Amino acid sequence: MVDGVFGGYTRWAVVFLIIFVLFILLVPYGVAAAGAPAAVY
Protein backbone atom coordinates (compact mmCIF):
# COMPACT_ATOMS: atom_id res chain seq x y z
CA MET A 1 0.00 0.00 0.00
CA VAL A 2 2.11 2.88 -1.27
CA ASP A 3 0.61 6.28 -1.95
CA GLY A 4 2.74 9.18 -3.09
CA VAL A 5 6.46 9.23 -3.81
CA PHE A 6 7.50 8.70 -0.18
CA GLY A 7 4.74 6.28 0.75
CA GLY A 8 2.56 7.06 3.75
CA TYR A 9 4.89 9.78 4.97
CA THR A 10 3.81 12.20 2.24
CA ARG A 11 0.31 12.62 3.68
CA TRP A 12 1.63 13.44 7.16
CA ALA A 13 4.28 15.76 5.76
CA VAL A 14 1.62 17.76 3.91
CA VAL A 15 -0.64 17.89 6.98
CA PHE A 16 2.24 19.01 9.19
CA LEU A 17 3.31 21.63 6.64
CA ILE A 18 -0.19 23.11 6.44
CA ILE A 19 -0.53 23.24 10.23
CA PHE A 20 2.93 24.78 10.56
CA VAL A 21 2.23 27.50 8.00
CA LEU A 22 -1.14 28.34 9.54
CA PHE A 23 0.48 28.48 12.99
CA ILE A 24 3.20 30.87 11.82
CA LEU A 25 0.70 33.11 10.02
CA LEU A 26 -2.01 33.22 12.69
CA VAL A 27 -0.02 33.45 15.93
CA PRO A 28 1.37 36.99 15.39
CA TYR A 29 -2.10 38.30 14.51
CA GLY A 30 -3.62 36.54 17.53
CA VAL A 31 -0.99 38.07 19.83
CA ALA A 32 -1.54 41.53 18.35
CA ALA A 33 -5.32 41.17 18.65
CA ALA A 34 -4.94 40.21 22.32
CA GLY A 35 -3.38 43.61 23.00
CA ALA A 36 0.18 42.42 23.50
CA PRO A 37 2.99 44.16 21.59
CA ALA A 38 3.22 42.77 18.08
CA ALA A 39 6.30 40.63 17.52
CA VAL A 40 8.71 41.91 14.89
CA TYR A 41 9.92 39.27 12.44
PDB file of N, CA and C in Angstrom:
ATOM      1  N   MET A   1       0.844  -1.194   0.000  1.00  0.00           N
ATOM      2  CA  MET A   1       0.000   0.000   0.000  1.00  0.00           C
ATOM      3  C   MET A   1       0.883   1.248   0.000  1.00  0.00           C
ATOM      4  N   VAL A   2       1.229   1.710  -1.174  1.00  0.00           N
ATOM      5  CA  VAL A   2       2.107   2.879  -1.271  1.00  0.00           C
ATOM      6  C   VAL A   2       1.362   3.998  -1.981  1.00  0.00           C
ATOM      7  N   ASP A   3       1.268   5.123  -1.322  1.00  0.00           N
ATOM      8  CA  ASP A   3       0.607   6.279  -1.950  1.00  0.00           C
ATOM      9  C   ASP A   3       1.559   7.463  -1.893  1.00  0.00           C
ATOM     10  N   GLY A   4       1.802   8.067  -3.035  1.00  0.00           N
ATOM     11  CA  GLY A   4       2.742   9.182  -3.093  1.00  0.00           C
ATOM     12  C   GLY A   4       4.155   8.675  -3.326  1.00  0.00           C
ATOM     13  N   VAL A   5       5.081   9.599  -3.499  1.00  0.00           N
ATOM     14  CA  VAL A   5       6.458   9.227  -3.810  1.00  0.00           C
ATOM     15  C   VAL A   5       7.147   8.622  -2.582  1.00  0.00           C
ATOM     16  N   PHE A   6       6.828   9.146  -1.390  1.00  0.00           N
ATOM     17  CA  PHE A   6       7.505   8.697  -0.177  1.00  0.00           C
ATOM     18  C   PHE A   6       6.628   7.769   0.648  1.00  0.00           C
ATOM     19  N   GLY A   7       5.608   7.184   0.021  1.00  0.00           N
ATOM     20  CA  GLY A   7       4.742   6.276   0.754  1.00  0.00           C
ATOM     21  C   GLY A   7       3.779   7.024   1.655  1.00  0.00           C
ATOM     22  N   GLY A   8       3.527   6.456   2.825  1.00  0.00           N
ATOM     23  CA  GLY A   8       2.558   7.057   3.746  1.00  0.00           C
ATOM     24  C   GLY A   8       3.048   8.336   4.396  1.00  0.00           C
ATOM     25  N   TYR A   9       4.357   8.595   4.301  1.00  0.00           N
ATOM     26  CA  TYR A   9       4.889   9.785   4.968  1.00  0.00           C
ATOM     27  C   TYR A   9       4.454  11.071   4.274  1.00  0.00           C
ATOM     28  N   THR A  10       4.158  10.989   2.982  1.00  0.00           N
ATOM     29  CA  THR A  10       3.808  12.201   2.238  1.00  0.00           C
ATOM     30  C   THR A  10       2.574  12.864   2.825  1.00  0.00           C
ATOM     31  N   ARG A  11       1.561  12.059   3.137  1.00  0.00           N
ATOM     32  CA  ARG A  11       0.314  12.616   3.677  1.00  0.00           C
ATOM     33  C   ARG A  11       0.576  13.376   4.973  1.00  0.00           C
ATOM     34  N   TRP A  12       1.362  12.785   5.885  1.00  0.00           N
ATOM     35  CA  TRP A  12       1.628  13.439   7.163  1.00  0.00           C
ATOM     36  C   TRP A  12       2.511  14.661   6.984  1.00  0.00           C
ATOM     37  N   ALA A  13       3.420  14.606   6.017  1.00  0.00           N
ATOM     38  CA  ALA A  13       4.280  15.758   5.764  1.00  0.00           C
ATOM     39  C   ALA A  13       3.455  16.951   5.291  1.00  0.00           C
ATOM     40  N   VAL A  14       2.475  16.688   4.413  1.00  0.00           N
ATOM     41  CA  VAL A  14       1.617  17.759   3.908  1.00  0.00           C
ATOM     42  C   VAL A  14       0.767  18.316   5.039  1.00  0.00           C
ATOM     43  N   VAL A  15       0.192  17.433   5.853  1.00  0.00           N
ATOM     44  CA  VAL A  15      -0.635  17.891   6.978  1.00  0.00           C
ATOM     45  C   VAL A  15       0.185  18.743   7.935  1.00  0.00           C
ATOM     46  N   PHE A  16       1.383  18.271   8.271  1.00  0.00           N
ATOM     47  CA  PHE A  16       2.241  19.011   9.187  1.00  0.00           C
ATOM     48  C   PHE A  16       2.631  20.366   8.598  1.00  0.00           C
ATOM     49  N   LEU A  17       2.922  20.385   7.286  1.00  0.00           N
ATOM     50  CA  LEU A  17       3.312  21.629   6.635  1.00  0.00           C
ATOM     51  C   LEU A  17       2.183  22.649   6.688  1.00  0.00           C
ATOM     52  N   ILE A  18       0.955  22.201   6.414  1.00  0.00           N
ATOM     53  CA  ILE A  18      -0.193  23.108   6.438  1.00  0.00           C
ATOM     54  C   ILE A  18      -0.397  23.665   7.842  1.00  0.00           C
ATOM     55  N   ILE A  19      -0.345  22.794   8.850  1.00  0.00           N
ATOM     56  CA  ILE A  19      -0.532  23.243  10.228  1.00  0.00           C
ATOM     57  C   ILE A  19       0.573  24.222  10.615  1.00  0.00           C
ATOM     58  N   PHE A  20       1.802  23.923  10.221  1.00  0.00           N
ATOM     59  CA  PHE A  20       2.933  24.778  10.565  1.00  0.00           C
ATOM     60  C   PHE A  20       2.781  26.163   9.951  1.00  0.00           C
ATOM     61  N   VAL A  21       2.399  26.208   8.675  1.00  0.00           N
ATOM     62  CA  VAL A  21       2.226  27.499   7.995  1.00  0.00           C
ATOM     63  C   VAL A  21       1.099  28.292   8.634  1.00  0.00           C
ATOM     64  N   LEU A  22      -0.023  27.645   8.905  1.00  0.00           N
ATOM     65  CA  LEU A  22      -1.145  28.345   9.542  1.00  0.00           C
ATOM     66  C   LEU A  22      -0.735  28.861  10.915  1.00  0.00           C
ATOM     67  N   PHE A  23       0.040  28.072  11.658  1.00  0.00           N
ATOM     68  CA  PHE A  23       0.481  28.482  12.993  1.00  0.00           C
ATOM     69  C   PHE A  23       1.354  29.730  12.903  1.00  0.00           C
ATOM     70  N   ILE A  24       2.294  29.734  11.969  1.00  0.00           N
ATOM     71  CA  ILE A  24       3.203  30.875  11.819  1.00  0.00           C
ATOM     72  C   ILE A  24       2.441  32.123  11.377  1.00  0.00           C
ATOM     73  N   LEU A  25       1.429  31.949  10.531  1.00  0.00           N
ATOM     74  CA  LEU A  25       0.696  33.107  10.018  1.00  0.00           C
ATOM     75  C   LEU A  25      -0.298  33.659  11.035  1.00  0.00           C
ATOM     76  N   LEU A  26      -0.914  32.784  11.821  1.00  0.00           N
ATOM     77  CA  LEU A  26      -2.007  33.222  12.694  1.00  0.00           C
ATOM     78  C   LEU A  26      -1.536  33.680  14.071  1.00  0.00           C
ATOM     79  N   VAL A  27      -0.459  33.107  14.581  1.00  0.00           N
ATOM     80  CA  VAL A  27      -0.024  33.452  15.933  1.00  0.00           C
ATOM     81  C   VAL A  27       0.291  34.938  16.103  1.00  0.00           C
ATOM     82  N   PRO A  28       1.084  35.567  15.211  1.00  0.00           N
ATOM     83  CA  PRO A  28       1.371  36.995  15.392  1.00  0.00           C
ATOM     84  C   PRO A  28       0.104  37.848  15.405  1.00  0.00           C
ATOM     85  N   TYR A  29      -0.857  37.528  14.539  1.00  0.00           N
ATOM     86  CA  TYR A  29      -2.097  38.296  14.513  1.00  0.00           C
ATOM     87  C   TYR A  29      -2.896  38.069  15.790  1.00  0.00           C
ATOM     88  N   GLY A  30      -2.895  36.840  16.299  1.00  0.00           N
ATOM     89  CA  GLY A  30      -3.615  36.539  17.532  1.00  0.00           C
ATOM     90  C   GLY A  30      -3.003  37.278  18.705  1.00  0.00           C
ATOM     91  N   VAL A  31      -1.670  37.360  18.742  1.00  0.00           N
ATOM     92  CA  VAL A  31      -0.990  38.068  19.828  1.00  0.00           C
ATOM     93  C   VAL A  31      -1.294  39.558  19.744  1.00  0.00           C
ATOM     94  N   ALA A  32      -1.265  40.105  18.530  1.00  0.00           N
ATOM     95  CA  ALA A  32      -1.538  41.527  18.355  1.00  0.00           C
ATOM     96  C   ALA A  32      -2.990  41.840  18.721  1.00  0.00           C
ATOM     97  N   ALA A  33      -3.905  40.946  18.357  1.00  0.00           N
ATOM     98  CA  ALA A  33      -5.323  41.169  18.645  1.00  0.00           C
ATOM     99  C   ALA A  33      -5.575  41.094  20.150  1.00  0.00           C
ATOM    100  N   ALA A  34      -4.755  40.352  20.880  1.00  0.00           N
ATOM    101  CA  ALA A  34      -4.936  40.214  22.322  1.00  0.00           C
ATOM    102  C   ALA A  34      -4.471  41.457  23.061  1.00  0.00           C
ATOM    103  N   GLY A  35      -3.805  42.365  22.368  1.00  0.00           N
ATOM    104  CA  GLY A  35      -3.381  43.609  23.003  1.00  0.00           C
ATOM    105  C   GLY A  35      -1.912  43.604  23.373  1.00  0.00           C
ATOM    106  N   ALA A  36      -1.244  42.482  23.174  1.00  0.00           N
ATOM    107  CA  ALA A  36       0.184  42.425  23.499  1.00  0.00           C
ATOM    108  C   ALA A  36       0.980  43.083  22.370  1.00  0.00           C
ATOM    109  N   PRO A  37       2.167  43.556  22.641  1.00  0.00           N
ATOM    110  CA  PRO A  37       2.990  44.159  21.587  1.00  0.00           C
ATOM    111  C   PRO A  37       3.215  43.171  20.455  1.00  0.00           C
ATOM    112  N   ALA A  38       3.049  43.634  19.242  1.00  0.00           N
ATOM    113  CA  ALA A  38       3.220  42.773  18.079  1.00  0.00           C
ATOM    114  C   ALA A  38       4.690  42.385  17.932  1.00  0.00           C
ATOM    115  N   ALA A  39       4.929  41.100  17.695  1.00  0.00           N
ATOM    116  CA  ALA A  39       6.295  40.633  17.522  1.00  0.00           C
ATOM    117  C   ALA A  39       6.827  41.081  16.171  1.00  0.00           C
ATOM    118  N   VAL A  40       8.097  41.453  16.135  1.00  0.00           N
ATOM    119  CA  VAL A  40       8.706  41.911  14.888  1.00  0.00           C
ATOM    120  C   VAL A  40       9.518  40.776  14.308  1.00  0.00           C
ATOM    121  N   TYR A  41       9.203  40.366  13.091  1.00  0.00           N
ATOM    122  CA  TYR A  41       9.922  39.266  12.440  1.00  0.00           C
ATOM    123  C   TYR A  41      10.782  39.831  11.336  1.00  0.00           C
TER     124      TYR A  41
END
